[in-house]
Amino acid sequence: MFKNYLILFFLVLTSCSEDLSQKAKDFSKEKIIIDSHIDTPFQIWRQKNNTGSSDDITKNTSYHFDYPRAIEGGLNLPFFAIFIPARTETEGTSFNLAVELIGMMNEIIKDNPEKFTFINDPSDIKVLEENKNLVGIAYGIENGAPIEGKLENIKYFADLGVNYITLAHAKSNHISDSSYDENKRWKDGLSPFGFEVVKEMNKQGVMIDISHVSDKAFMKVLEISEAPVLATHSSLRHFTPGWERNVSDEMLIALAKNNGVIQICFGSDFVADRKSNPDMKVTVKNVVDNIDHVKNLVGIDHVGLGSDFDGEVPLPEDIDDVSKFPNLIEELLLRGYTEDEIDKILNGNILRVWKAVRAFAKK
């Protein structure tokens, strides 16, 4: 009799798991999924430079992103990072590289109108709701180096469709100190020009990305920005003690007061303390642990997804490319997240920030 109960219990559990798995897949097809940080453009550019050709992202590739897997996973809108290496600031090549990368991606979109469409405004997303076979592509610049000390370059890039700029990357630059750089150049985290950059980005309707910046710069931006701010690909220091690249609880609370959003990075080293536990197996559960912590500390309105696909390795095996968003949705369902909460994580929160930044610029 006891054995029969065990079999029945196992069958019920299996049925429930299958139901949630199917529900997650259905959600991924029905909902708009926005990933605020994918680094594929630089991977294409680097591969082409190194070998003379690159993978075709309309087909299956060696990258974390391509069109077939985006459709499989339900990814509707990646923000493609126009990644600019820190060395280009001293080389004087930042501006030209950013323009080249944007031009390269524009050609890919132009040549594949049945697969990709350019998204430059939150209102453009209607076309993605109407045609689930289209993948939208929006741009953000990772590293403010291409501004090259000229405020007018912010408008220049905004006019090219750049919707956010990450102020710094691996090294402190002429705008902001970097969390990765021990050489903190600026008293307030931002240079005097950096203060002007924040104001001009508000004026031009360009979202300010405070991933990668130092703690001082992070807090200073929140102090002076009149529009909401986002961290496009960061996770929580709560799970990685002492690591400045991730966001502390104090910083997260300040970001929420600004009405901003943190977009959780999926990198294994971001979502779990692998430094202290190098043999630990990191999974999508660790990614959702970070989402849980944001929800519990500051509320569901301040968290979204910024995978860092094609930029960060290693990644958890069950969320290591764009086909696997259903695994994340399933874990959210398992933990009791409501459909409304999942909508906010997948798209609602970043859309709110994006719309608010645009609305402020129109004042």
Protein backbone atom coordinates (compact mmCIF):
# COMPACT_ATOMS: atom_id res chain seq x y z
CA MET A 1 0.00 0.00 0.00
CA PHE A 2 2.79 2.43 0.95
CA LYS A 3 4.56 1.64 -2.33
CA ASN A 4 1.36 2.52 -4.23
CA TYR A 5 1.19 5.88 -2.43
CA LEU A 6 4.79 6.61 -3.40
CA ILE A 7 4.07 5.80 -7.04
CA LEU A 8 0.98 8.04 -6.99
CA PHE A 9 2.95 10.87 -5.33
CA PHE A 10 5.70 10.56 -7.95
CA LEU A 11 3.15 10.64 -10.78
CA VAL A 12 1.50 13.76 -9.34
CA LEU A 13 4.86 15.50 -8.98
CA THR A 14 5.83 14.56 -12.53
CA SER A 15 2.52 15.83 -13.86
CA CYS A 16 2.86 19.15 -11.99
CA SER A 17 6.44 19.57 -13.24
CA GLU A 18 5.35 18.88 -16.82
CA ASP A 19 2.48 21.36 -16.47
CA LEU A 20 4.82 24.10 -15.22
CA SER A 21 7.36 23.34 -17.94
CA GLN A 22 4.69 23.69 -20.60
CA LYS A 23 3.31 26.83 -18.97
CA ALA A 24 6.82 28.34 -19.00
CA LYS A 25 7.19 27.54 -22.71
CA ASP A 26 3.77 29.07 -23.39
CA PHE A 27 4.74 32.21 -21.45
CA SER A 28 7.95 32.53 -23.44
CA LYS A 29 5.92 32.53 -26.67
CA GLU A 30 3.15 34.83 -25.43
CA LYS A 31 5.10 37.44 -23.46
CA ILE A 32 7.56 40.04 -24.67
CA ILE A 33 11.02 39.09 -23.39
CA ILE A 34 13.61 41.88 -23.26
CA ASP A 35 17.26 41.18 -22.51
CA SER A 36 19.06 44.45 -21.85
CA HIS A 37 22.61 43.28 -22.55
CA ILE A 38 23.90 40.89 -25.22
CA ASP A 39 27.41 41.31 -26.62
CA THR A 40 27.04 39.57 -30.00
CA PRO A 41 28.07 42.56 -32.20
CA PHE A 42 31.63 42.61 -30.86
CA GLN A 43 31.89 38.83 -31.24
CA ILE A 44 30.86 39.11 -34.91
CA TRP A 45 33.30 41.97 -35.49
CA ARG A 46 36.19 40.21 -33.73
CA GLN A 47 35.60 36.91 -35.54
CA LYS A 48 35.48 38.72 -38.88
CA ASN A 49 38.70 40.60 -38.07
CA ASN A 50 40.49 37.45 -36.96
CA THR A 51 39.36 35.04 -39.69
CA GLY A 52 37.98 37.18 -42.51
CA SER A 53 34.43 35.93 -42.00
CA SER A 54 31.90 35.52 -39.20
CA ASP A 55 29.01 33.27 -38.22
CA ASP A 56 25.65 34.16 -39.77
CA ILE A 57 23.26 35.00 -36.92
CA THR A 58 20.23 34.24 -39.09
CA LYS A 59 21.29 30.59 -38.64
CA ASN A 60 22.64 28.50 -35.77
CA THR A 61 26.01 29.82 -34.64
CA SER A 62 28.81 29.35 -32.12
CA TYR A 63 27.55 32.43 -30.24
CA HIS A 64 25.07 32.53 -27.36
CA PHE A 65 22.68 34.45 -29.65
CA ASP A 66 21.28 33.68 -33.06
CA TYR A 67 17.87 34.00 -34.69
CA PRO A 68 16.73 30.34 -34.52
CA ARG A 69 17.51 30.04 -30.80
CA ALA A 70 16.03 33.48 -30.04
CA ILE A 71 12.74 32.32 -31.59
CA GLU A 72 12.98 29.01 -29.71
CA GLY A 73 13.50 30.77 -26.38
CA GLY A 74 10.96 33.53 -27.01
CA LEU A 75 13.48 36.38 -26.92
CA ASN A 76 11.78 39.33 -28.62
CA LEU A 77 14.15 42.20 -27.97
CA PRO A 78 17.85 42.01 -27.21
CA PHE A 79 19.65 45.25 -26.50
CA PHE A 80 22.84 44.60 -28.43
CA ALA A 81 25.78 46.11 -26.61
CA ILE A 82 28.13 48.13 -28.79
CA PHE A 83 31.07 47.05 -26.67
CA ILE A 84 34.11 49.33 -26.78
CA PRO A 85 37.28 47.96 -25.11
CA ALA A 86 38.86 50.25 -22.51
CA ARG A 87 42.16 50.42 -24.45
CA THR A 88 40.45 52.30 -27.30
CA GLU A 89 40.23 55.46 -25.17
CA THR A 90 44.01 55.85 -25.06
CA GLU A 91 44.29 54.68 -28.68
CA GLY A 92 41.77 57.32 -29.80
CA THR A 93 39.67 54.75 -31.71
CA SER A 94 36.55 54.56 -29.52
CA PHE A 95 34.23 56.77 -31.58
CA ASN A 96 35.12 55.15 -34.90
CA LEU A 97 34.74 51.62 -33.54
CA ALA A 98 31.28 52.41 -32.14
CA VAL A 99 30.16 53.81 -35.49
CA GLU A 100 31.61 50.78 -37.29
CA LEU A 101 29.82 48.28 -35.03
CA ILE A 102 26.48 50.08 -35.38
CA GLY A 103 26.90 50.20 -39.16
CA MET A 104 27.70 46.48 -39.24
CA MET A 105 24.56 45.62 -37.28
CA ASN A 106 22.42 47.98 -39.38
CA GLU A 107 23.50 46.03 -42.48
CA ILE A 108 22.50 42.72 -40.89
CA ILE A 109 19.06 44.11 -40.01
CA LYS A 110 18.62 45.63 -43.47
CA ASP A 111 19.58 42.38 -45.21
CA ASN A 112 17.17 40.25 -43.12
CA PRO A 113 13.89 42.20 -42.76
CA GLU A 114 11.86 39.00 -42.32
CA LYS A 115 13.92 38.09 -39.22
CA PHE A 116 15.18 41.32 -37.61
CA THR A 117 13.75 44.78 -37.10
CA PHE A 118 15.35 47.89 -35.61
CA ILE A 119 13.78 49.12 -32.36
CA ASN A 120 14.52 52.69 -31.31
CA ASP A 121 11.60 53.57 -29.02
CA PRO A 122 9.32 51.72 -26.59
CA SER A 123 6.39 52.34 -28.94
CA ASP A 124 8.18 50.34 -31.65
CA ILE A 125 7.56 47.15 -29.66
CA LYS A 126 4.04 46.91 -31.10
CA VAL A 127 5.52 45.34 -34.23
CA LEU A 128 7.03 42.55 -32.09
CA GLU A 129 3.68 41.87 -30.44
CA GLU A 130 2.07 41.59 -33.86
CA ASN A 131 4.76 39.39 -35.43
CA LYS A 132 6.38 36.82 -33.14
CA ASN A 133 8.71 35.73 -35.96
CA LEU A 134 10.54 39.07 -35.77
CA VAL A 135 13.39 39.68 -33.35
CA GLY A 136 13.82 43.35 -32.50
CA ILE A 137 17.29 44.79 -32.09
CA ALA A 138 18.01 47.85 -29.94
CA TYR A 139 21.43 49.37 -29.22
CA GLY A 140 23.33 50.41 -26.14
CA ILE A 141 26.99 51.47 -25.97
CA GLU A 142 29.05 49.63 -23.36
CA ASN A 143 31.72 52.11 -22.24
CA GLY A 144 31.32 55.87 -22.57
CA ALA A 145 34.73 56.23 -24.23
CA PRO A 146 33.20 57.01 -27.69
CA ILE A 147 31.81 60.27 -26.30
CA GLU A 148 35.45 61.40 -26.47
CA GLY A 149 34.94 64.51 -24.34
CA LYS A 150 32.26 65.98 -26.62
CA LEU A 151 28.73 66.30 -25.24
CA GLU A 152 27.36 66.59 -28.78
CA ASN A 153 28.39 62.98 -29.38
CA ILE A 154 25.63 61.86 -27.01
CA LYS A 155 23.01 63.27 -29.39
CA TYR A 156 24.96 61.87 -32.34
CA PHE A 157 24.72 58.34 -30.97
CA ALA A 158 21.12 58.84 -29.81
CA ASP A 159 20.26 59.75 -33.40
CA LEU A 160 21.88 56.45 -34.49
CA GLY A 161 19.53 54.58 -32.16
CA VAL A 162 21.69 54.20 -29.04
CA ASN A 163 19.29 53.94 -26.10
CA TYR A 164 21.74 53.57 -23.24
CA ILE A 165 25.40 54.23 -22.52
CA THR A 166 27.39 52.34 -19.89
CA LEU A 167 29.56 55.08 -18.41
CA ALA A 168 32.74 52.98 -18.00
CA HIS A 169 33.95 49.45 -18.52
CA ALA A 170 37.12 47.69 -17.30
CA LYS A 171 39.14 50.87 -16.70
CA SER A 172 38.35 54.26 -15.26
CA ASN A 173 37.84 56.66 -18.15
CA HIS A 174 37.28 60.36 -18.83
CA ILE A 175 33.70 60.09 -17.52
CA SER A 176 33.65 57.67 -14.59
CA ASP A 177 35.67 55.39 -12.36
CA SER A 178 35.33 51.64 -13.00
CA SER A 179 34.56 48.99 -10.39
CA TYR A 180 37.30 46.84 -11.96
CA ASP A 181 40.01 49.50 -11.78
CA GLU A 182 42.01 50.07 -8.60
CA ASN A 183 43.00 53.46 -10.06
CA LYS A 184 40.06 55.59 -8.99
CA ARG A 185 40.74 58.83 -10.86
CA TRP A 186 37.82 60.97 -9.72
CA LYS A 187 36.98 62.33 -6.25
CA ASP A 188 33.23 61.81 -6.67
CA GLY A 189 33.45 58.72 -8.86
CA LEU A 190 32.53 60.91 -11.83
CA SER A 191 34.80 63.40 -13.56
CA PRO A 192 33.59 67.02 -13.88
CA PHE A 193 32.77 66.12 -17.49
CA GLY A 194 30.93 63.03 -16.20
CA PHE A 195 28.51 65.28 -14.31
CA GLU A 196 27.72 67.01 -17.61
CA VAL A 197 27.35 63.65 -19.37
CA VAL A 198 24.65 62.57 -16.90
CA LYS A 199 22.72 65.80 -17.46
CA GLU A 200 23.07 65.58 -21.24
CA MET A 201 21.95 61.95 -21.32
CA ASN A 202 18.84 62.99 -19.39
CA LYS A 203 18.29 65.79 -21.90
CA GLN A 204 18.71 63.49 -24.92
CA GLY A 205 16.54 60.68 -23.55
CA VAL A 206 19.42 58.18 -23.33
CA MET A 207 19.28 55.76 -20.41
CA ILE A 208 22.26 55.88 -18.03
CA ASP A 209 23.76 52.44 -17.40
CA ILE A 210 25.62 52.17 -14.10
CA SER A 211 26.81 48.59 -14.45
CA HIS A 212 30.63 48.45 -14.24
CA VAL A 213 31.07 51.81 -12.48
CA SER A 214 32.59 52.25 -9.02
CA ASP A 215 30.41 52.49 -5.92
CA LYS A 216 30.99 56.23 -5.66
CA ALA A 217 30.08 56.79 -9.29
CA PHE A 218 26.98 54.61 -8.94
CA MET A 219 25.68 56.63 -6.00
CA LYS A 220 26.64 59.98 -7.54
CA VAL A 221 24.70 59.22 -10.73
CA LEU A 222 21.63 58.38 -8.66
CA GLU A 223 22.06 61.66 -6.80
CA ILE A 224 22.21 63.87 -9.89
CA SER A 225 20.13 62.08 -12.54
CA GLU A 226 16.64 63.52 -12.85
CA ALA A 227 15.41 60.45 -14.74
CA PRO A 228 15.40 56.80 -13.66
CA VAL A 229 18.65 54.87 -14.12
CA LEU A 230 19.38 51.22 -14.85
CA ALA A 231 22.14 48.67 -14.34
CA THR A 232 21.90 46.69 -17.58
CA HIS A 233 23.87 43.61 -16.51
CA SER A 234 24.71 43.37 -12.81
CA SER A 235 23.89 40.96 -10.02
CA LEU A 236 24.04 41.21 -6.23
CA ARG A 237 26.95 41.57 -3.84
CA HIS A 238 24.77 39.79 -1.28
CA PHE A 239 25.77 36.57 -3.08
CA THR A 240 29.35 37.62 -3.97
CA PRO A 241 30.68 39.34 -0.83
CA GLY A 242 33.26 42.04 -1.39
CA TRP A 243 33.01 42.12 -5.20
CA GLU A 244 32.59 45.74 -6.29
CA ARG A 245 31.34 44.84 -9.78
CA ASN A 246 28.06 43.63 -8.24
CA VAL A 247 25.49 45.83 -6.48
CA SER A 248 25.31 46.07 -2.69
CA ASP A 249 22.04 46.20 -0.76
CA GLU A 250 22.64 49.90 0.00
CA MET A 251 23.13 50.63 -3.69
CA LEU A 252 20.06 48.58 -4.62
CA ILE A 253 17.90 50.55 -2.18
CA ALA A 254 19.20 53.82 -3.67
CA LEU A 255 18.48 52.54 -7.20
CA ALA A 256 14.91 51.70 -6.22
CA LYS A 257 14.41 55.18 -4.71
CA ASN A 258 15.46 56.54 -8.11
CA ASN A 259 12.70 54.32 -9.60
CA GLY A 260 15.41 52.49 -11.52
CA VAL A 261 15.94 48.81 -12.29
CA ILE A 262 18.69 46.24 -11.99
CA GLN A 263 18.85 43.76 -14.89
CA ILE A 264 20.29 40.54 -13.47
CA CYS A 265 23.38 39.16 -15.23
CA PHE A 266 23.38 35.37 -15.68
CA GLY A 267 27.14 34.83 -15.35
CA SER A 268 28.02 32.08 -12.88
CA ASP A 269 30.55 34.32 -11.11
CA PHE A 270 27.92 37.08 -10.85
CA VAL A 271 25.07 35.10 -9.28
CA ALA A 272 27.04 32.89 -6.88
CA ASP A 273 30.22 32.97 -4.80
CA ARG A 274 32.38 30.74 -6.98
CA LYS A 275 35.49 32.52 -5.68
CA SER A 276 34.98 30.87 -2.30
CA ASN A 277 33.40 27.72 -3.79
CA PRO A 278 35.10 27.06 -7.16
CA ASP A 279 33.57 23.58 -7.50
CA MET A 280 29.98 24.63 -6.90
CA LYS A 281 27.44 23.89 -9.63
CA VAL A 282 25.67 27.12 -10.57
CA THR A 283 22.21 26.85 -12.15
CA VAL A 284 19.26 28.98 -13.12
CA LYS A 285 18.18 28.65 -9.48
CA ASN A 286 21.08 30.96 -8.54
CA VAL A 287 19.91 33.52 -11.10
CA VAL A 288 16.42 33.44 -9.59
CA ASP A 289 17.92 33.69 -6.08
CA ASN A 290 19.19 37.11 -7.17
CA ILE A 291 15.74 38.06 -8.47
CA ASP A 292 14.22 36.88 -5.18
CA HIS A 293 16.59 39.09 -3.21
CA VAL A 294 15.71 42.19 -5.23
CA LYS A 295 12.00 41.47 -4.85
CA ASN A 296 12.31 40.92 -1.09
CA LEU A 297 14.51 43.96 -0.47
CA VAL A 298 13.04 46.66 -2.72
CA GLY A 299 10.08 45.11 -4.56
CA ILE A 300 9.25 43.44 -7.85
CA ASP A 301 9.25 46.76 -9.79
CA HIS A 302 13.04 47.01 -9.79
CA VAL A 303 14.35 43.84 -11.41
CA GLY A 304 14.73 42.51 -14.96
CA LEU A 305 17.04 40.44 -17.17
CA GLY A 306 20.42 41.43 -18.62
CA SER A 307 22.11 38.12 -19.42
CA ASP A 308 25.50 39.32 -20.73
CA PHE A 309 25.29 36.55 -23.36
CA ASP A 310 28.33 36.58 -25.66
CA GLY A 311 30.14 38.70 -23.10
CA GLU A 312 30.38 36.60 -19.94
CA VAL A 313 31.53 33.02 -19.33
CA PRO A 314 31.01 30.69 -17.64
CA LEU A 315 27.22 30.61 -17.62
CA PRO A 316 24.93 28.11 -15.88
CA GLU A 317 24.30 25.20 -18.27
CA ASP A 318 20.52 25.56 -18.02
CA ILE A 319 20.56 29.26 -19.00
CA ASP A 320 23.61 29.50 -21.26
CA ASP A 321 22.05 30.75 -24.51
CA VAL A 322 18.98 32.60 -25.75
CA SER A 323 16.93 29.42 -26.29
CA LYS A 324 16.71 28.78 -22.55
CA PHE A 325 14.56 31.60 -21.21
CA PRO A 326 11.75 29.07 -20.55
CA ASN A 327 13.98 27.46 -17.89
CA LEU A 328 14.15 30.76 -16.03
CA ILE A 329 10.40 31.30 -16.36
CA GLU A 330 9.75 27.78 -15.06
CA GLU A 331 11.90 28.45 -11.99
CA LEU A 332 9.95 31.68 -11.35
CA LEU A 333 6.68 29.73 -11.60
CA LEU A 334 8.01 27.05 -9.24
CA ARG A 335 8.69 29.77 -6.67
CA GLY A 336 5.18 31.14 -6.92
CA TYR A 337 5.75 34.28 -8.99
CA THR A 338 2.49 35.54 -10.47
CA GLU A 339 1.95 36.21 -14.16
CA ASP A 340 1.98 39.95 -13.48
CA GLU A 341 5.29 39.68 -11.60
CA ILE A 342 6.85 37.61 -14.40
CA ASP A 343 5.68 40.20 -16.95
CA LYS A 344 7.46 42.92 -14.99
CA ILE A 345 10.68 40.91 -14.90
CA LEU A 346 10.56 39.99 -18.59
CA ASN A 347 9.71 43.44 -19.93
CA GLY A 348 7.61 45.74 -17.77
CA ASN A 349 10.25 47.22 -15.51
CA ILE A 350 12.79 48.12 -18.17
CA LEU A 351 9.99 49.48 -20.38
CA ARG A 352 8.88 51.73 -17.51
CA VAL A 353 12.41 53.14 -17.15
CA TRP A 354 12.84 53.53 -20.92
CA LYS A 355 9.51 55.38 -21.24
CA ALA A 356 10.29 57.60 -18.23
CA VAL A 357 13.69 58.59 -19.65
CA ARG A 358 12.09 59.47 -22.98
CA ALA A 359 9.30 61.41 -21.27
CA PHE A 360 11.79 63.43 -19.21
CA ALA A 361 13.70 64.40 -22.36
CA LYS A 362 10.49 65.75 -23.93
CA LYS A 363 9.73 68.11 -21.04
